């Protein structure tokens, strides 16, 4: 029974971060820049505000264009700034 428990713990499922965002630039080869918006609320004043973060994502076949809404997943580092990969187009 102890061996079975160890096997279950060792076969832990790895979950990757996935984000949805809008492509704002596709001028680089095999790379797109994806803007991800997060809505936050101020703790004291309760006002909502938007924080935008730009991620460089890998696009192997250069198939996505500016304006596409895509899903990106975190992967191993491919370059100095590229740690995301485009999974699929949402809209």
C-alpha atoms as a PDB file:
ATOM      1  CA  UNK A   1       0.000   0.000   0.000  1.00  0.00           C
ATOM      2  CA  UNK A   2       2.874   2.384   0.699  1.00  0.00           C
ATOM      3  CA  UNK A   3       4.343   1.765  -2.769  1.00  0.00           C
ATOM      4  CA  UNK A   4       1.018   2.588  -4.418  1.00  0.00           C
ATOM      5  CA  UNK A   5       0.823   5.907  -2.549  1.00  0.00           C
ATOM      6  CA  UNK A   6       4.369   6.814  -3.631  1.00  0.00           C
ATOM      7  CA  UNK A   7       3.532   6.052  -7.270  1.00  0.00           C
ATOM      8  CA  UNK A   8       0.490   8.318  -7.148  1.00  0.00           C
ATOM      9  CA  UNK A   9       2.513  11.164  -5.653  1.00  0.00           C
ATOM     10  CA  UNK A  10       5.323  10.751  -8.198  1.00  0.00           C
ATOM     11  CA  UNK A  11       2.869  10.873 -11.132  1.00  0.00           C
ATOM     12  CA  UNK A  12       1.761  14.370 -10.218  1.00  0.00           C
ATOM     13  CA  UNK A  13       0.030  16.135 -13.105  1.00  0.00           C
ATOM     14  CA  UNK A  14       1.901  19.245 -14.186  1.00  0.00           C
ATOM     15  CA  UNK A  15      -0.384  22.213 -14.806  1.00  0.00           C
ATOM     16  CA  UNK A  16       0.755  25.065 -17.004  1.00  0.00           C
ATOM     17  CA  UNK A  17      -0.425  28.652 -16.692  1.00  0.00           C
ATOM     18  CA  UNK A  18      -2.797  29.592 -19.483  1.00  0.00           C
ATOM     19  CA  UNK A  19      -3.842  33.137 -20.337  1.00  0.00           C
ATOM     20  CA  UNK A  20      -6.152  34.750 -22.895  1.00  0.00           C
ATOM     21  CA  UNK A  21      -5.033  37.846 -24.734  1.00  0.00           C
ATOM     22  CA  UNK A  22      -5.028  39.984 -27.860  1.00  0.00           C
ATOM     23  CA  UNK A  23      -2.165  39.952 -30.376  1.00  0.00           C
ATOM     24  CA  UNK A  24      -0.791  43.485 -30.734  1.00  0.00           C
ATOM     25  CA  UNK A  25       2.305  42.781 -32.865  1.00  0.00           C
ATOM     26  CA  UNK A  26       3.442  40.064 -35.281  1.00  0.00           C
ATOM     27  CA  UNK A  27       6.473  41.771 -36.853  1.00  0.00           C
ATOM     28  CA  UNK A  28       9.021  39.264 -35.509  1.00  0.00           C
ATOM     29  CA  UNK A  29       9.681  35.866 -37.096  1.00  0.00           C
ATOM     30  CA  UNK A  30       7.913  33.030 -35.197  1.00  0.00           C
ATOM     31  CA  UNK A  31       7.012  35.429 -32.368  1.00  0.00           C
ATOM     32  CA  UNK A  32       3.910  37.439 -31.510  1.00  0.00           C
ATOM     33  CA  UNK A  33       3.306  39.959 -28.731  1.00  0.00           C
ATOM     34  CA  UNK A  34       0.148  39.217 -26.743  1.00  0.00           C
ATOM     35  CA  UNK A  35      -1.484  41.809 -24.467  1.00  0.00           C
ATOM     36  CA  UNK A  36      -3.278  40.317 -21.441  1.00  0.00           C
ATOM     37  CA  UNK A  37      -5.646  42.553 -19.459  1.00  0.00           C
ATOM     38  CA  UNK A  38      -6.399  41.955 -15.775  1.00  0.00           C
ATOM     39  CA  UNK A  39      -9.095  43.861 -13.899  1.00  0.00           C
ATOM     40  CA  UNK A  40      -8.230  44.669 -10.292  1.00  0.00           C
ATOM     41  CA  UNK A  41     -10.110  46.449  -7.527  1.00  0.00           C
ATOM     42  CA  UNK A  42      -8.531  48.984  -5.186  1.00  0.00           C
ATOM     43  CA  UNK A  43      -8.606  47.767  -1.573  1.00  0.00           C
ATOM     44  CA  UNK A  44      -9.617  51.058   0.016  1.00  0.00           C
ATOM     45  CA  UNK A  45     -11.514  52.969  -2.682  1.00  0.00           C
ATOM     46  CA  UNK A  46     -13.115  49.901  -4.348  1.00  0.00           C
ATOM     47  CA  UNK A  47     -12.499  51.370  -7.815  1.00  0.00           C
ATOM     48  CA  UNK A  48     -11.833  48.924 -10.657  1.00  0.00           C
ATOM     49  CA  UNK A  49      -8.805  49.469 -12.882  1.00  0.00           C
ATOM     50  CA  UNK A  50      -7.118  47.560 -15.688  1.00  0.00           C
ATOM     51  CA  UNK A  51      -3.543  46.302 -15.729  1.00  0.00           C
ATOM     52  CA  UNK A  52      -2.130  45.291 -19.132  1.00  0.00           C
ATOM     53  CA  UNK A  53       0.882  42.998 -19.465  1.00  0.00           C
ATOM     54  CA  UNK A  54       2.565  42.179 -22.786  1.00  0.00           C
ATOM     55  CA  UNK A  55       4.001  38.688 -23.294  1.00  0.00           C
ATOM     56  CA  UNK A  56       6.149  37.465 -26.187  1.00  0.00           C
ATOM     57  CA  UNK A  57       4.768  34.127 -27.376  1.00  0.00           C
ATOM     58  CA  UNK A  58       6.084  31.517 -29.801  1.00  0.00           C
ATOM     59  CA  UNK A  59       4.158  31.121 -33.073  1.00  0.00           C
ATOM     60  CA  UNK A  60       5.873  28.336 -35.030  1.00  0.00           C
ATOM     61  CA  UNK A  61       4.098  28.763 -38.387  1.00  0.00           C
ATOM     62  CA  UNK A  62       3.462  32.537 -38.297  1.00  0.00           C
ATOM     63  CA  UNK A  63      -0.273  31.802 -38.620  1.00  0.00           C
ATOM     64  CA  UNK A  64      -1.660  34.425 -36.189  1.00  0.00           C
ATOM     65  CA  UNK A  65      -2.149  38.102 -37.085  1.00  0.00           C
ATOM     66  CA  UNK A  66      -2.695  41.356 -35.202  1.00  0.00           C
ATOM     67  CA  UNK A  67      -6.180  41.502 -33.698  1.00  0.00           C
ATOM     68  CA  UNK A  68      -6.567  37.747 -33.067  1.00  0.00           C
ATOM     69  CA  UNK A  69      -7.761  36.735 -29.592  1.00  0.00           C
ATOM     70  CA  UNK A  70      -5.601  33.743 -28.554  1.00  0.00           C
ATOM     71  CA  UNK A  71      -4.867  31.340 -25.709  1.00  0.00           C
ATOM     72  CA  UNK A  72      -1.204  31.176 -24.591  1.00  0.00           C
ATOM     73  CA  UNK A  73       0.501  28.606 -22.331  1.00  0.00           C
ATOM     74  CA  UNK A  74       3.675  28.962 -20.281  1.00  0.00           C
ATOM     75  CA  UNK A  75       6.557  26.752 -21.461  1.00  0.00           C
ATOM     76  CA  UNK A  76      10.308  26.427 -20.954  1.00  0.00           C
ATOM     77  CA  UNK A  77      12.384  29.493 -21.899  1.00  0.00           C
ATOM     78  CA  UNK A  78      13.009  29.715 -25.649  1.00  0.00           C
ATOM     79  CA  UNK A  79      14.924  33.007 -25.563  1.00  0.00           C
ATOM     80  CA  UNK A  80      15.635  35.916 -23.227  1.00  0.00           C
ATOM     81  CA  UNK A  81      12.004  37.091 -23.103  1.00  0.00           C
ATOM     82  CA  UNK A  82       9.996  34.298 -24.770  1.00  0.00           C
ATOM     83  CA  UNK A  83       8.430  31.869 -22.270  1.00  0.00           C
ATOM     84  CA  UNK A  84       4.941  31.444 -23.757  1.00  0.00           C
ATOM     85  CA  UNK A  85       3.478  29.538 -26.687  1.00  0.00           C
ATOM     86  CA  UNK A  86       0.305  30.263 -28.657  1.00  0.00           C
ATOM     87  CA  UNK A  87      -2.033  27.280 -28.277  1.00  0.00           C
ATOM     88  CA  UNK A  88      -5.060  28.244 -30.363  1.00  0.00           C
ATOM     89  CA  UNK A  89      -7.152  31.094 -31.677  1.00  0.00           C
ATOM     90  CA  UNK A  90     -10.269  31.881 -29.638  1.00  0.00           C
ATOM     91  CA  UNK A  91     -11.950  34.469 -31.896  1.00  0.00           C
END
